[in-house]
Protein backbone atom coordinates (compact mmCIF):
# COMPACT_ATOMS: atom_id res chain seq x y z
CA MET A 1 -30.58 11.15 6.88
CA SER A 2 -28.79 13.28 4.27
CA GLY A 3 -29.04 12.72 0.54
CA ARG A 4 -25.51 11.28 0.48
CA ASP A 5 -26.38 8.87 3.31
CA ARG A 6 -29.45 7.68 1.42
CA ALA A 7 -27.39 7.22 -1.75
CA GLN A 8 -24.76 5.18 0.11
CA ALA A 9 -27.43 3.02 1.74
CA ALA A 10 -29.01 2.38 -1.68
CA ILE A 11 -25.67 1.42 -3.24
CA TYR A 12 -24.89 -0.88 -0.31
CA GLY A 13 -28.22 -2.62 -0.74
CA ALA A 14 -27.63 -2.93 -4.49
CA LEU A 15 -24.43 -4.92 -3.83
CA PHE A 16 -26.46 -7.59 -2.05
CA ALA A 17 -28.84 -7.62 -5.01
CA ILE A 18 -25.92 -8.16 -7.40
CA LEU A 19 -24.60 -10.98 -5.23
CA GLY A 20 -28.00 -12.65 -5.18
CA ALA A 21 -28.50 -12.20 -8.92
CA SER A 22 -25.13 -13.82 -9.62
CA ALA A 23 -26.11 -16.84 -7.51
CA LEU A 24 -29.48 -17.08 -9.28
CA LEU A 25 -27.79 -16.99 -12.67
CA PHE A 26 -25.63 -19.92 -11.60
CA LEU A 27 -28.73 -21.85 -10.52
CA SER A 28 -30.56 -21.00 -13.75
CA GLN A 29 -28.59 -23.64 -15.64
CA TYR A 30 -30.27 -26.29 -13.47
CA GLY A 31 -33.74 -24.79 -13.03
CA SER A 32 -34.52 -23.09 -16.32
CA SER A 33 -32.08 -22.80 -19.20
CA LEU A 34 -28.35 -23.14 -19.69
CA ARG A 35 -28.54 -20.19 -22.09
CA PHE A 36 -28.79 -17.60 -19.29
CA TRP A 37 -25.73 -19.01 -17.55
CA GLU A 38 -23.68 -19.12 -20.73
CA SER A 39 -24.66 -15.56 -21.64
CA PHE A 40 -23.74 -14.36 -18.15
CA THR A 41 -20.36 -16.09 -18.28
CA PHE A 42 -19.60 -14.60 -21.67
CA GLY A 43 -20.69 -11.15 -20.51
CA TYR A 44 -18.46 -11.24 -17.44
CA LEU A 45 -15.44 -12.38 -19.44
CA LEU A 46 -16.12 -9.58 -21.92
CA LEU A 47 -16.20 -7.10 -19.03
CA LEU A 48 -12.85 -8.48 -17.83
CA VAL A 49 -11.33 -8.04 -21.30
CA VAL A 50 -12.68 -4.50 -21.64
CA TYR A 51 -11.30 -3.52 -18.24
CA THR A 52 -7.92 -5.06 -19.03
CA TRP A 53 -7.68 -3.13 -22.29
CA TRP A 54 -8.74 0.02 -20.44
CA LEU A 55 -5.76 -0.43 -18.11
CA PHE A 56 -3.45 -1.17 -21.03
CA GLY A 57 -4.60 1.99 -22.79
CA LEU A 58 -3.99 4.15 -19.73
CA LEU A 59 -0.54 2.68 -19.14
CA LEU A 60 0.31 3.22 -22.81
CA VAL A 61 -0.67 6.88 -22.44
CA HIS A 62 1.59 7.10 -19.40
CA ASP A 63 4.53 5.58 -21.29
CA LEU A 64 4.08 7.81 -24.33
CA ARG A 65 3.34 11.00 -22.40
CA PRO A 66 4.88 10.76 -18.93
CA ARG A 67 3.88 13.68 -16.74
CA ALA A 68 6.43 16.24 -15.63
CA TYR A 69 5.77 18.42 -12.58
CA PRO A 70 7.30 21.72 -11.44
CA THR A 71 10.53 21.28 -9.48
CA TYR A 72 10.49 21.58 -5.71
CA ASP A 73 11.70 25.06 -4.75
CA GLY A 74 12.02 25.14 -0.99
CA GLU A 75 8.34 25.09 -0.03
CA LYS A 76 7.75 24.07 3.59
CA ILE A 77 6.58 20.47 4.16
CA ALA A 78 4.96 19.29 7.38
CA VAL A 79 5.47 15.56 7.96
CA ILE A 80 2.92 13.99 10.31
CA ILE A 81 3.71 10.58 11.83
CA PRO A 82 0.96 8.95 13.91
CA CYS A 83 2.39 6.26 16.19
CA PHE A 84 0.78 3.42 18.13
CA ASN A 85 2.81 0.70 19.86
CA GLU A 86 5.44 0.44 17.14
CA SER A 87 8.91 -0.72 18.13
CA PRO A 88 10.79 2.29 19.60
CA ASN A 89 13.80 1.46 17.42
CA LEU A 90 11.67 1.39 14.26
CA VAL A 91 9.89 4.64 15.12
CA GLU A 92 13.19 6.38 15.72
CA GLU A 93 14.61 5.04 12.46
CA SER A 94 11.51 6.27 10.61
CA ILE A 95 11.85 9.75 12.11
CA ARG A 96 15.53 9.94 11.26
CA THR A 97 14.90 9.03 7.59
CA VAL A 98 12.41 11.92 7.50
CA LEU A 99 14.93 14.31 9.05
CA ALA A 100 17.59 13.16 6.57
CA ALA A 101 15.28 13.56 3.57
CA GLU A 102 15.58 16.56 1.29
CA GLY A 103 13.26 19.52 1.79
CA GLU A 104 12.38 22.27 4.25
CA LYS A 105 10.22 20.55 6.84
CA GLN A 106 8.39 20.50 10.12
CA VAL A 107 8.14 17.05 11.73
CA ILE A 108 5.17 16.20 13.97
CA VAL A 109 4.79 12.87 15.79
CA ILE A 110 1.50 12.00 17.51
CA ASP A 111 1.66 9.09 19.92
CA ASP A 112 -1.80 7.55 19.96
CA GLY A 113 -1.85 6.14 23.48
CA SER A 114 1.00 3.63 23.14
CA THR A 115 1.59 1.23 26.02
CA ASN A 116 5.01 -0.17 25.07
CA GLY A 117 7.30 2.59 26.34
CA VAL A 118 7.86 4.31 22.99
CA GLN A 119 6.99 7.68 24.56
CA GLU A 120 10.34 7.89 26.35
CA ARG A 121 12.20 7.31 23.08
CA LEU A 122 10.12 10.00 21.37
CA LEU A 123 10.94 12.50 24.11
CA ASP A 124 14.66 11.75 23.72
CA VAL A 125 14.51 12.19 19.93
CA ALA A 126 12.50 15.42 20.33
CA ALA A 127 15.04 16.84 22.77
CA GLU A 128 17.86 16.03 20.34
CA THR A 129 16.26 17.11 17.07
CA GLY A 130 13.55 19.67 17.91
CA ILE A 131 10.67 17.76 16.34
CA THR A 132 7.15 18.32 17.69
CA VAL A 133 5.72 15.44 19.74
CA ALA A 134 2.22 15.16 21.20
CA PHE A 135 0.70 12.37 23.27
CA PHE A 136 -2.81 10.97 23.69
CA GLY A 137 -3.53 9.45 27.10
CA ARG A 138 -5.48 6.64 25.45
CA ASN A 139 -5.78 5.19 21.95
CA ARG A 140 -8.05 7.47 19.88
CA GLY A 141 -7.23 6.44 16.32
CA LYS A 142 -5.40 7.88 13.34
CA ARG A 143 -8.23 10.29 12.49
CA GLU A 144 -7.91 12.04 15.83
CA ALA A 145 -4.13 12.10 15.54
CA LEU A 146 -4.23 13.76 12.12
CA HIS A 147 -6.98 16.13 13.25
CA LEU A 148 -4.91 17.32 16.21
CA ALA A 149 -1.82 17.80 14.07
CA VAL A 150 -3.60 19.74 11.32
CA THR A 151 -5.78 21.93 13.54
CA HIS A 152 -3.29 22.73 16.32
CA LEU A 153 0.30 21.88 15.46
CA LEU A 154 0.94 22.87 11.82
CA ASP A 155 3.13 25.93 11.32
CA GLU A 156 1.27 28.74 9.54
CA ASP A 157 3.73 28.82 6.66
CA VAL A 158 3.39 25.11 5.75
CA ASP A 159 2.61 24.62 2.05
CA PHE A 160 2.27 20.83 1.89
CA VAL A 161 1.53 18.07 4.40
CA VAL A 162 2.96 14.57 4.07
CA THR A 163 1.63 11.75 6.25
CA ILE A 164 3.62 8.57 6.78
CA ASP A 165 3.17 5.49 8.94
CA SER A 166 5.50 5.14 11.91
CA ASP A 167 7.02 1.95 10.47
CA THR A 168 7.88 3.62 7.14
CA LEU A 169 11.39 4.53 6.00
CA LEU A 170 11.91 7.18 3.31
CA GLU A 171 14.41 7.48 0.50
CA PRO A 172 16.24 10.86 0.57
CA GLU A 173 14.27 12.32 -2.36
CA ALA A 174 10.87 10.92 -1.36
CA LEU A 175 9.44 14.05 0.27
CA VAL A 176 10.33 16.50 -2.48
CA ARG A 177 9.24 14.10 -5.23
CA VAL A 178 5.84 13.42 -3.67
CA VAL A 179 5.00 17.10 -3.12
CA GLU A 180 6.10 18.35 -6.55
CA PRO A 181 2.74 17.52 -8.23
CA LEU A 182 1.02 19.72 -5.64
CA LYS A 183 2.64 22.76 -7.20
CA SER A 184 0.11 22.30 -10.02
CA ALA A 185 -3.06 24.09 -8.94
CA ALA A 186 -5.41 21.30 -10.06
CA ILE A 187 -3.72 18.60 -7.93
CA GLY A 188 -4.77 18.31 -4.30
CA ALA A 189 -2.98 15.11 -3.25
CA ALA A 190 -0.29 12.68 -4.35
CA THR A 191 1.02 9.33 -3.20
CA GLY A 192 4.31 7.52 -3.63
CA ASN A 193 5.86 4.13 -4.23
CA VAL A 194 5.98 1.49 -1.48
CA LEU A 195 8.68 -1.19 -1.42
CA LEU A 196 8.95 -4.03 1.09
CA LEU A 197 11.91 -4.38 3.41
CA ASN A 198 11.15 -8.06 3.97
CA GLU A 199 9.95 -9.10 0.50
CA ARG A 200 12.46 -11.98 0.31
CA GLN A 201 11.64 -13.33 3.76
CA ASN A 202 9.39 -16.18 2.60
CA LEU A 203 6.97 -17.20 -0.16
CA LEU A 204 4.14 -15.19 1.39
CA THR A 205 6.13 -11.95 1.45
CA ARG A 206 7.23 -12.55 -2.17
CA MET A 207 3.57 -12.87 -3.09
CA ILE A 208 2.70 -9.69 -1.18
CA GLY A 209 5.53 -7.88 -2.94
CA THR A 210 3.89 -8.74 -6.27
CA TYR A 211 0.50 -7.71 -4.87
CA TYR A 212 1.95 -4.29 -3.94
CA TRP A 213 3.67 -3.93 -7.32
CA ILE A 214 0.43 -4.62 -9.20
CA GLY A 215 -1.52 -2.23 -7.00
CA LEU A 216 0.99 0.57 -7.46
CA ASN A 217 2.57 0.18 -10.88
CA ILE A 218 -0.50 -1.06 -12.75
CA ASN A 219 -3.60 0.12 -10.91
CA LYS A 220 -2.41 3.38 -9.33
CA GLN A 221 -0.29 4.24 -12.35
CA ALA A 222 -3.35 3.83 -14.59
CA GLN A 223 -5.54 5.82 -12.20
CA SER A 224 -2.90 8.54 -12.19
CA VAL A 225 -3.29 9.03 -15.95
CA ILE A 226 -6.89 10.13 -15.35
CA ARG A 227 -5.67 11.92 -12.21
CA SER A 228 -8.01 9.94 -9.98
CA VAL A 229 -5.92 7.72 -7.72
CA VAL A 230 -8.48 6.34 -5.30
CA CYS A 231 -6.24 5.92 -2.25
CA CYS A 232 -3.12 7.74 -1.10
CA SER A 233 -1.07 5.16 0.76
CA GLY A 234 -0.57 5.53 4.49
CA CYS A 235 3.14 4.86 3.92
CA ILE A 236 3.54 8.13 2.03
CA ALA A 237 0.78 10.57 1.09
CA ALA A 238 1.03 14.28 0.34
CA TYR A 239 -1.72 16.90 0.52
CA ARG A 240 -1.96 20.57 -0.23
CA ALA A 241 -2.07 22.13 3.26
CA SER A 242 -4.99 24.42 2.41
CA VAL A 243 -7.05 21.46 1.17
CA LEU A 244 -6.24 19.38 4.24
CA ARG A 245 -7.31 22.20 6.54
CA GLU A 246 -10.58 22.44 4.58
CA VAL A 247 -11.52 18.76 4.89
CA ILE A 248 -10.03 17.75 8.24
CA ASP A 249 -13.15 18.27 10.38
CA GLU A 250 -15.33 16.28 7.98
CA PHE A 251 -12.63 13.61 7.87
CA ALA A 252 -12.58 13.21 11.64
CA GLU A 253 -16.37 13.00 11.88
CA GLN A 254 -17.05 10.42 9.13
CA ARG A 255 -19.98 8.06 9.64
CA PHE A 256 -21.29 5.22 7.48
CA LEU A 257 -24.89 4.04 7.80
CA GLY A 258 -25.04 5.84 11.13
CA GLU A 259 -21.85 4.34 12.59
CA PRO A 260 -18.61 6.27 13.28
CA CYS A 261 -15.77 5.11 11.00
CA THR A 262 -12.53 3.97 12.62
CA HIS A 263 -10.45 2.52 9.77
CA SER A 264 -9.48 3.15 6.11
CA GLU A 265 -8.55 6.71 6.94
CA ASP A 266 -6.23 7.12 3.95
CA ARG A 267 -8.89 6.10 1.43
CA HIS A 268 -11.47 8.45 2.92
CA LEU A 269 -9.07 11.39 3.04
CA THR A 270 -8.34 10.79 -0.65
CA ASN A 271 -12.08 10.64 -1.34
CA LEU A 272 -12.60 14.03 0.31
CA VAL A 273 -9.91 15.57 -1.91
CA LEU A 274 -11.39 14.03 -5.08
CA ARG A 275 -14.91 15.11 -4.11
CA ARG A 276 -13.74 18.73 -4.06
CA ASN A 277 -12.73 18.32 -7.71
CA TYR A 278 -8.99 18.16 -7.10
CA ASP A 279 -6.84 15.64 -8.97
CA VAL A 280 -4.86 12.92 -7.16
CA VAL A 281 -1.76 11.35 -8.73
CA TYR A 282 0.84 8.63 -8.15
CA VAL A 283 4.58 9.40 -8.13
CA GLU A 284 6.69 6.30 -8.68
CA GLU A 285 9.93 8.14 -7.88
CA ALA A 286 8.78 8.99 -4.31
CA VAL A 287 10.03 5.79 -2.69
CA SER A 288 9.22 4.55 0.80
CA TRP A 289 9.97 1.25 2.51
CA THR A 290 7.87 -0.73 4.94
CA GLU A 291 7.48 -4.25 6.30
CA THR A 292 4.55 -6.49 5.47
CA PRO A 293 3.05 -9.18 7.70
CA ALA A 294 5.11 -12.34 7.20
CA THR A 295 2.46 -14.83 8.33
CA VAL A 296 -0.81 -15.77 6.65
CA ARG A 297 -2.72 -14.88 9.81
CA GLY A 298 -1.17 -11.42 10.02
CA PHE A 299 -1.72 -10.74 6.32
CA LEU A 300 -5.37 -11.81 6.48
CA ARG A 301 -5.97 -9.59 9.52
CA GLN A 302 -4.65 -6.67 7.49
CA GLN A 303 -6.71 -7.60 4.44
CA ARG A 304 -9.92 -7.90 6.45
CA ARG A 305 -9.62 -4.24 7.40
CA TRP A 306 -8.60 -3.17 3.89
CA LYS A 307 -11.50 -5.03 2.25
CA ARG A 308 -14.07 -3.41 4.52
CA GLY A 309 -12.64 0.00 3.77
CA TYR A 310 -12.52 -0.78 0.05
CA ILE A 311 -16.26 -1.47 -0.01
CA ARG A 312 -17.27 1.45 2.17
CA GLU A 313 -15.11 4.00 0.39
CA SER A 314 -16.03 2.72 -3.09
CA ILE A 315 -19.65 3.29 -2.14
CA TYR A 316 -18.72 6.79 -0.99
CA THR A 317 -16.94 7.44 -4.30
CA LEU A 318 -20.05 6.51 -6.28
CA SER A 319 -22.08 8.99 -4.22
CA TYR A 320 -20.21 11.98 -5.73
CA ALA A 321 -18.01 10.95 -8.68
CA TRP A 322 -20.63 11.18 -11.44
CA ARG A 323 -20.63 14.96 -11.02
CA ASN A 324 -16.89 15.61 -11.27
CA LYS A 325 -14.92 12.38 -11.91
CA ARG A 326 -16.99 10.44 -14.43
CA ARG A 327 -14.24 8.12 -15.66
CA LEU A 328 -13.56 7.20 -12.05
CA PHE A 329 -17.29 6.66 -11.49
CA VAL A 330 -17.49 4.26 -14.44
CA GLN A 331 -14.41 2.32 -13.29
CA ILE A 332 -15.68 1.95 -9.72
CA LEU A 333 -19.23 1.08 -10.79
CA PHE A 334 -18.46 -1.48 -13.48
CA TRP A 335 -15.34 -3.06 -12.07
CA ASP A 336 -13.80 -2.12 -8.72
CA LEU A 337 -16.96 -2.40 -6.64
CA THR A 338 -19.45 -4.59 -8.48
CA ALA A 339 -17.26 -7.15 -10.30
CA PRO A 340 -16.29 -9.17 -7.18
CA PHE A 341 -19.95 -9.73 -6.32
CA LEU A 342 -21.02 -10.15 -9.93
CA SER A 343 -18.53 -13.02 -10.29
CA PHE A 344 -19.82 -14.91 -7.23
CA GLY A 345 -21.84 -17.37 -9.33
CA LEU A 346 -18.85 -18.06 -11.59
CA ARG A 347 -16.69 -19.00 -8.64
CA ILE A 348 -19.39 -21.25 -7.25
CA GLY A 349 -19.48 -22.84 -10.71
CA LEU A 350 -15.74 -23.51 -10.52
CA ILE A 351 -16.15 -25.21 -7.15
CA VAL A 352 -18.98 -27.39 -8.49
CA THR A 353 -16.88 -28.28 -11.54
CA ALA A 354 -13.91 -29.19 -9.35
CA VAL A 355 -16.11 -31.63 -7.43
CA ARG A 356 -18.09 -33.08 -10.32
CA ALA A 357 -15.51 -33.05 -13.13
CA PRO A 358 -11.99 -32.62 -11.76
CA GLY A 359 -10.51 -33.79 -15.06
CA LEU A 360 -12.20 -30.96 -16.94
CA LEU A 361 -11.02 -28.49 -14.33
CA VAL A 362 -7.39 -29.58 -14.67
CA THR A 363 -7.23 -30.02 -18.46
CA VAL A 364 -9.38 -27.10 -19.67
CA ILE A 365 -10.52 -24.61 -17.06
CA LEU A 366 -7.30 -24.20 -15.07
CA PRO A 367 -5.03 -23.69 -18.12
CA SER A 368 -7.54 -21.23 -19.59
CA TRP A 369 -7.68 -19.35 -16.31
CA ILE A 370 -3.87 -19.15 -16.11
CA VAL A 371 -3.66 -17.74 -19.65
CA LEU A 372 -6.41 -15.24 -18.91
CA MET A 373 -4.68 -14.04 -15.74
CA LEU A 374 -1.30 -13.79 -17.48
CA VAL A 375 -2.90 -11.61 -20.13
CA ARG A 376 -4.51 -9.47 -17.46
CA TYR A 377 -1.23 -9.08 -15.55
CA VAL A 378 1.07 -9.12 -18.59
CA PHE A 379 2.96 -6.10 -17.26
CA VAL A 380 4.40 -8.23 -14.47
CA PRO A 381 6.48 -10.50 -16.78
CA LEU A 382 7.18 -7.52 -19.05
CA ARG A 383 8.36 -5.09 -16.36
CA ALA A 384 9.04 -7.07 -13.18
CA ARG A 385 10.14 -10.54 -14.24
CA ASP A 386 11.56 -11.25 -10.80
CA LYS A 387 7.98 -11.20 -9.48
CA LEU A 388 6.66 -14.02 -11.67
CA LEU A 389 6.71 -16.55 -8.83
CA GLY A 390 4.89 -14.07 -6.62
CA LEU A 391 2.33 -13.52 -9.39
CA PHE A 392 1.40 -17.21 -9.59
CA LEU A 393 1.19 -17.41 -5.81
CA TYR A 394 -0.97 -14.29 -5.74
CA MET A 395 -3.38 -15.62 -8.40
CA LEU A 396 -3.88 -18.84 -6.46
CA PHE A 397 -4.15 -17.12 -3.08
CA TYR A 398 -6.65 -14.61 -4.41
CA GLU A 399 -8.97 -17.26 -5.81
CA GLY A 400 -8.65 -19.51 -2.78
CA CYS A 401 -8.82 -16.89 -0.04
CA LEU A 402 -8.69 -13.16 -0.78
CA TYR A 403 -11.73 -13.18 -3.06
CA TRP A 404 -13.91 -14.62 -0.29
CA LEU A 405 -12.84 -11.82 2.05
CA ASN A 406 -14.83 -9.49 -0.23
CA LEU A 407 -17.98 -11.34 0.78
CA TRP A 408 -17.02 -11.28 4.45
CA ALA A 409 -16.35 -7.55 4.18
CA LEU A 410 -19.72 -6.91 2.52
CA PHE A 411 -21.55 -8.39 5.49
CA THR A 412 -19.35 -6.71 8.13
CA VAL A 413 -18.68 -3.33 6.55
CA LYS A 414 -20.18 -1.49 9.54
CA ASN A 415 -17.87 -3.28 11.97
CA ARG A 416 -15.72 -0.65 13.67
CA SER A 417 -13.12 -2.97 15.17
CA TRP A 418 -9.45 -2.39 14.36
CA VAL A 419 -8.31 -5.82 13.26
CA THR A 420 -4.60 -5.26 12.67
CA ARG A 421 -3.33 -3.24 15.58
CA GLN A 422 -1.45 -5.30 18.08
CA VAL A 423 0.81 -4.37 20.95
CA VAL A 424 4.43 -4.65 19.82
CA ALA A 425 7.06 -5.57 22.36
CA GLN A 426 9.44 -2.77 23.19
CA GLY A 427 12.52 -2.93 21.00
């Protein structure tokens, strides 16, 4: 076992220790002294306030000193589109938005063993447009698709590589905007903005639209100020071609605690770029569009995969970031990774209070919680007032459901199953 493997195993074990300690602190109010529980509660709330002000400070820096990047000047962009059982109509529409986008480009589509007849449509589009299309005889995963494209299909003169999902549509300027940061030598990767085609479909999709907005325009925007965006979105991600060629073999061969990794490819690819001391930034002007699951079941299937990847890749980040990305290390250690498990006892306390003193929950705790969350997400009413309904739905859904997926993910992080891919009927 390598030193990095041992470090990841130790961090993974420490998360269980944090979870257990949080539960013991909750029980301490009954078995020993209420003082420990009160001190713990105060300490966690203080951590929440500190983290919130940290985000506010970073966003203020962004507003006062927005970054400007060199202008795109005709550099060649390879666009790689892995495809698996997407609707043929949607895949074709995605490809055509890429072809219509600004920039000098090579377009590569890898069909990952689809069984819904999309291959015939891809061959027709390739014959008409000249794009490169390759086929796997069976489903092998996005890692293998990207590995094939980078190692065998990229033109030699490609400067930047953009990866998009096969259900993503691009705005005309998206490609050139997302690669412009890569003209700065210190930046190895960049990611763009993701909007939802079906955000107004129902209450769930409105909530998810707010969830995306917070993730991009608060979290990623703040991370971009310290040039350490932790995940380049699968909808639109750009990499310096030389960097991608350097990391692609390691990317395809990733293992965690001895098991091959088959999901969260985008987060790990971003990790490999950050580990090599390159910066990663977010570009709000690089706009893509996608659809989100419109049912609770579909959304939770997606989130189960994302949560597992979030834990595994946060552990990976901690195994290297102290050496070259210390602000990122501190953020991951004290908030992104540990806070969900540290707060386990507090949430158990809320459940006990709801059962034993529902009046106190309704008159004191719930209003206080709403105020606290509004302060934490104050940029939503300030900058995206149309998402206020989605914000309230998100806060309730997170506490009632999404938070508990963190615990499920902790216990199943080695599970290699792909829990969102489903065969889509031919369109």
